[in-house]
Amino acid sequence: MTIDEAIHAAIAGGWDFKKAEVGGILTTKAAFIDPVFWESLGKTLGWEALNDVTLHECGRVAWQQMWVNFIDDLAHGKPADEFFQKLTLQ
């Protein structure tokens, strides 16, 4: 999945992308720090099915854990697009 596809998936899941616009332009940086982006992306990608496992193992629902995984990847110097390439539509 590309970053653009992830953004469209989050919009399909109910994310209001206008909150991530700066001067009428959608910024990925604003999207990536918006918890509603991640929750909406998770709805579209079916992450709710993983909630029992992630709550038990990590103490977080699946979309929160995916957000943490994304931040961890960035902290280790990986580009954002590399994280999204691992995601697929269910």
N, C-alpha and C. Protein backbone atom coordinates (compact mmCIF):
# COMPACT_ATOMS: atom_id res chain seq x y z
N MET A 1 0.84 -1.17 0.00
CA MET A 1 0.00 0.00 0.00
C MET A 1 0.90 1.24 0.00
N THR A 2 0.53 2.20 -0.78
CA THR A 2 1.26 3.47 -0.79
C THR A 2 0.70 4.39 0.30
N ILE A 3 1.40 5.48 0.56
CA ILE A 3 0.89 6.46 1.52
C ILE A 3 -0.43 7.04 1.02
N ASP A 4 -0.53 7.33 -0.26
CA ASP A 4 -1.79 7.85 -0.82
C ASP A 4 -2.93 6.86 -0.63
N GLU A 5 -2.65 5.58 -0.84
CA GLU A 5 -3.69 4.56 -0.64
C GLU A 5 -4.09 4.48 0.84
N ALA A 6 -3.13 4.64 1.74
CA ALA A 6 -3.43 4.63 3.17
C ALA A 6 -4.31 5.82 3.53
N ILE A 7 -4.01 6.96 2.96
CA ILE A 7 -4.83 8.16 3.22
C ILE A 7 -6.26 7.95 2.72
N HIS A 8 -6.40 7.40 1.52
CA HIS A 8 -7.74 7.12 0.99
C HIS A 8 -8.46 6.07 1.83
N ALA A 9 -7.73 5.08 2.34
CA ALA A 9 -8.33 4.07 3.20
C ALA A 9 -8.81 4.68 4.51
N ALA A 10 -8.03 5.60 5.06
CA ALA A 10 -8.44 6.27 6.30
C ALA A 10 -9.68 7.14 6.07
N ILE A 11 -9.73 7.81 4.93
CA ILE A 11 -10.91 8.61 4.59
C ILE A 11 -12.13 7.69 4.47
N ALA A 12 -11.94 6.53 3.83
CA ALA A 12 -13.04 5.57 3.71
C ALA A 12 -13.50 5.07 5.08
N GLY A 13 -12.58 5.05 6.06
CA GLY A 13 -12.91 4.63 7.41
C GLY A 13 -13.50 5.73 8.28
N GLY A 14 -13.65 6.92 7.71
CA GLY A 14 -14.30 8.01 8.43
C GLY A 14 -13.40 9.15 8.85
N TRP A 15 -12.13 9.12 8.46
CA TRP A 15 -11.20 10.19 8.85
C TRP A 15 -11.52 11.46 8.08
N ASP A 16 -11.56 12.58 8.79
CA ASP A 16 -11.79 13.89 8.18
C ASP A 16 -10.44 14.51 7.83
N PHE A 17 -10.04 14.37 6.59
CA PHE A 17 -8.72 14.81 6.15
C PHE A 17 -8.54 16.32 6.23
N LYS A 18 -9.62 17.07 6.36
CA LYS A 18 -9.50 18.53 6.39
C LYS A 18 -8.71 19.00 7.61
N LYS A 19 -8.68 18.18 8.66
CA LYS A 19 -7.89 18.52 9.85
C LYS A 19 -6.39 18.47 9.55
N ALA A 20 -6.01 17.77 8.50
CA ALA A 20 -4.60 17.62 8.15
C ALA A 20 -4.18 18.55 7.02
N GLU A 21 -5.07 19.45 6.65
CA GLU A 21 -4.74 20.41 5.58
C GLU A 21 -4.07 21.65 6.16
N VAL A 22 -3.07 22.10 5.45
CA VAL A 22 -2.40 23.35 5.78
C VAL A 22 -2.45 24.20 4.53
N GLY A 23 -3.15 25.32 4.60
CA GLY A 23 -3.31 26.17 3.42
C GLY A 23 -4.02 25.47 2.29
N GLY A 24 -4.96 24.56 2.62
CA GLY A 24 -5.71 23.84 1.61
C GLY A 24 -4.99 22.65 1.02
N ILE A 25 -3.80 22.34 1.53
CA ILE A 25 -3.02 21.21 1.03
C ILE A 25 -2.92 20.16 2.13
N LEU A 26 -3.23 18.91 1.79
CA LEU A 26 -3.15 17.81 2.74
C LEU A 26 -1.68 17.51 3.05
N THR A 27 -1.32 17.49 4.32
CA THR A 27 0.05 17.18 4.71
C THR A 27 0.08 15.82 5.39
N THR A 28 0.98 14.97 4.94
CA THR A 28 1.08 13.65 5.55
C THR A 28 1.58 13.75 6.99
N LYS A 29 2.42 14.73 7.28
CA LYS A 29 2.91 14.88 8.65
C LYS A 29 1.75 15.09 9.61
N ALA A 30 0.78 15.91 9.23
CA ALA A 30 -0.38 16.14 10.07
C ALA A 30 -1.23 14.88 10.19
N ALA A 31 -1.32 14.13 9.11
CA ALA A 31 -2.09 12.87 9.15
C ALA A 31 -1.43 11.88 10.11
N PHE A 32 -0.12 11.76 10.04
CA PHE A 32 0.59 10.74 10.81
C PHE A 32 0.52 10.97 12.32
N ILE A 33 0.25 12.19 12.76
CA ILE A 33 0.15 12.44 14.20
C ILE A 33 -1.30 12.52 14.68
N ASP A 34 -2.24 12.27 13.80
CA ASP A 34 -3.65 12.33 14.14
C ASP A 34 -4.15 10.93 14.52
N PRO A 35 -4.54 10.73 15.79
CA PRO A 35 -5.01 9.40 16.18
C PRO A 35 -6.24 8.94 15.40
N VAL A 36 -7.07 9.88 14.97
CA VAL A 36 -8.27 9.50 14.21
C VAL A 36 -7.87 8.94 12.84
N PHE A 37 -6.77 9.42 12.27
CA PHE A 37 -6.25 8.85 11.02
C PHE A 37 -6.00 7.36 11.21
N TRP A 38 -5.29 7.01 12.28
CA TRP A 38 -4.90 5.62 12.53
C TRP A 38 -6.12 4.76 12.86
N GLU A 39 -7.04 5.30 13.65
CA GLU A 39 -8.24 4.55 13.99
C GLU A 39 -9.07 4.28 12.73
N SER A 40 -9.20 5.29 11.88
CA SER A 40 -9.97 5.15 10.64
C SER A 40 -9.29 4.20 9.66
N LEU A 41 -7.98 4.28 9.57
CA LEU A 41 -7.24 3.35 8.71
C LEU A 41 -7.46 1.92 9.20
N GLY A 42 -7.42 1.75 10.52
CA GLY A 42 -7.65 0.43 11.10
C GLY A 42 -9.04 -0.12 10.80
N LYS A 43 -10.04 0.75 10.77
CA LYS A 43 -11.40 0.31 10.44
C LYS A 43 -11.44 -0.25 9.02
N THR A 44 -10.83 0.48 8.10
CA THR A 44 -10.83 0.04 6.70
C THR A 44 -10.03 -1.24 6.51
N LEU A 45 -8.93 -1.36 7.22
CA LEU A 45 -8.05 -2.52 7.04
C LEU A 45 -8.43 -3.71 7.92
N GLY A 46 -9.48 -3.57 8.72
CA GLY A 46 -9.95 -4.70 9.52
C GLY A 46 -9.11 -5.02 10.74
N TRP A 47 -8.43 -4.01 11.28
CA TRP A 47 -7.57 -4.25 12.44
C TRP A 47 -8.35 -4.60 13.70
N GLU A 48 -9.66 -4.31 13.75
CA GLU A 48 -10.45 -4.62 14.94
C GLU A 48 -10.35 -6.10 15.29
N ALA A 49 -10.19 -6.94 14.28
CA ALA A 49 -10.08 -8.38 14.52
C ALA A 49 -8.85 -8.74 15.34
N LEU A 50 -7.87 -7.85 15.39
CA LEU A 50 -6.63 -8.10 16.14
C LEU A 50 -6.68 -7.56 17.56
N ASN A 51 -7.76 -6.87 17.93
CA ASN A 51 -7.81 -6.18 19.22
C ASN A 51 -7.59 -7.09 20.42
N ASP A 52 -8.15 -8.29 20.42
CA ASP A 52 -7.97 -9.19 21.55
C ASP A 52 -6.49 -9.51 21.76
N VAL A 53 -5.79 -9.76 20.68
CA VAL A 53 -4.37 -10.10 20.77
C VAL A 53 -3.55 -8.89 21.21
N THR A 54 -3.76 -7.75 20.57
CA THR A 54 -2.94 -6.58 20.91
C THR A 54 -3.23 -6.06 22.31
N LEU A 55 -4.49 -6.14 22.75
CA LEU A 55 -4.81 -5.72 24.11
C LEU A 55 -4.13 -6.62 25.12
N HIS A 56 -4.12 -7.92 24.85
CA HIS A 56 -3.49 -8.88 25.76
C HIS A 56 -1.97 -8.72 25.77
N GLU A 57 -1.37 -8.60 24.60
CA GLU A 57 0.09 -8.58 24.50
C GLU A 57 0.69 -7.19 24.72
N CYS A 58 -0.01 -6.13 24.33
CA CYS A 58 0.59 -4.80 24.35
C CYS A 58 -0.18 -3.79 25.21
N GLY A 59 -1.39 -4.14 25.60
CA GLY A 59 -2.21 -3.21 26.35
C GLY A 59 -2.82 -2.11 25.51
N ARG A 60 -2.84 -2.31 24.20
CA ARG A 60 -3.40 -1.32 23.27
C ARG A 60 -4.31 -2.01 22.28
N VAL A 61 -5.28 -1.25 21.75
CA VAL A 61 -6.06 -1.77 20.62
C VAL A 61 -5.15 -1.75 19.39
N ALA A 62 -5.57 -2.47 18.37
CA ALA A 62 -4.71 -2.70 17.21
C ALA A 62 -4.26 -1.41 16.52
N TRP A 63 -5.18 -0.45 16.32
CA TRP A 63 -4.77 0.76 15.62
C TRP A 63 -3.73 1.53 16.41
N GLN A 64 -3.82 1.50 17.74
CA GLN A 64 -2.82 2.18 18.56
C GLN A 64 -1.46 1.49 18.43
N GLN A 65 -1.47 0.16 18.40
CA GLN A 65 -0.21 -0.57 18.26
C GLN A 65 0.42 -0.33 16.90
N MET A 66 -0.40 -0.25 15.86
CA MET A 66 0.16 0.03 14.53
C MET A 66 0.78 1.41 14.48
N TRP A 67 0.16 2.36 15.17
CA TRP A 67 0.71 3.71 15.25
C TRP A 67 2.06 3.68 15.97
N VAL A 68 2.14 2.93 17.05
CA VAL A 68 3.40 2.79 17.78
C VAL A 68 4.45 2.13 16.88
N ASN A 69 4.06 1.11 16.14
CA ASN A 69 4.99 0.44 15.22
C ASN A 69 5.52 1.42 14.17
N PHE A 70 4.64 2.27 13.67
CA PHE A 70 5.03 3.28 12.69
C PHE A 70 6.07 4.24 13.28
N ILE A 71 5.79 4.73 14.48
CA ILE A 71 6.72 5.65 15.14
C ILE A 71 8.05 4.97 15.43
N ASP A 72 8.00 3.71 15.85
CA ASP A 72 9.23 2.95 16.08
C ASP A 72 10.06 2.85 14.80
N ASP A 73 9.39 2.56 13.68
CA ASP A 73 10.11 2.49 12.40
C ASP A 73 10.78 3.82 12.08
N LEU A 74 10.06 4.92 12.26
CA LEU A 74 10.65 6.24 12.00
C LEU A 74 11.83 6.50 12.92
N ALA A 75 11.70 6.11 14.19
CA ALA A 75 12.78 6.31 15.16
C ALA A 75 14.03 5.51 14.79
N HIS A 76 13.84 4.42 14.07
CA HIS A 76 14.97 3.61 13.62
C HIS A 76 15.46 4.01 12.23
N GLY A 77 14.99 5.16 11.74
CA GLY A 77 15.50 5.70 10.49
C GLY A 77 14.84 5.17 9.23
N LYS A 78 13.77 4.42 9.38
CA LYS A 78 13.09 3.90 8.19
C LYS A 78 12.15 4.97 7.63
N PRO A 79 12.00 5.02 6.31
CA PRO A 79 11.09 6.01 5.71
C PRO A 79 9.63 5.59 5.92
N ALA A 80 8.76 6.57 5.99
CA ALA A 80 7.34 6.32 6.22
C ALA A 80 6.75 5.38 5.17
N ASP A 81 7.11 5.57 3.92
CA ASP A 81 6.51 4.75 2.86
C ASP A 81 6.83 3.27 3.03
N GLU A 82 7.96 2.95 3.65
CA GLU A 82 8.33 1.56 3.88
C GLU A 82 7.33 0.88 4.83
N PHE A 83 6.88 1.61 5.85
CA PHE A 83 5.88 1.06 6.77
C PHE A 83 4.58 0.76 6.03
N PHE A 84 4.10 1.69 5.25
CA PHE A 84 2.83 1.52 4.57
C PHE A 84 2.87 0.44 3.51
N GLN A 85 4.04 0.17 2.95
CA GLN A 85 4.17 -0.89 1.96
C GLN A 85 3.84 -2.26 2.54
N LYS A 86 3.99 -2.39 3.87
CA LYS A 86 3.69 -3.66 4.53
C LYS A 86 2.19 -3.87 4.74
N LEU A 87 1.40 -2.83 4.59
CA LEU A 87 -0.04 -2.91 4.84
C LEU A 87 -0.78 -3.28 3.57
N THR A 88 -1.84 -4.06 3.74
CA THR A 88 -2.67 -4.42 2.59
C THR A 88 -4.14 -4.28 2.97
N LEU A 89 -4.97 -4.00 1.98
CA LEU A 89 -6.41 -3.98 2.18
C LEU A 89 -6.89 -5.40 2.40
N GLN A 90 -7.79 -5.58 3.34
CA GLN A 90 -8.33 -6.92 3.66
C GLN A 90 -9.38 -7.29 2.64
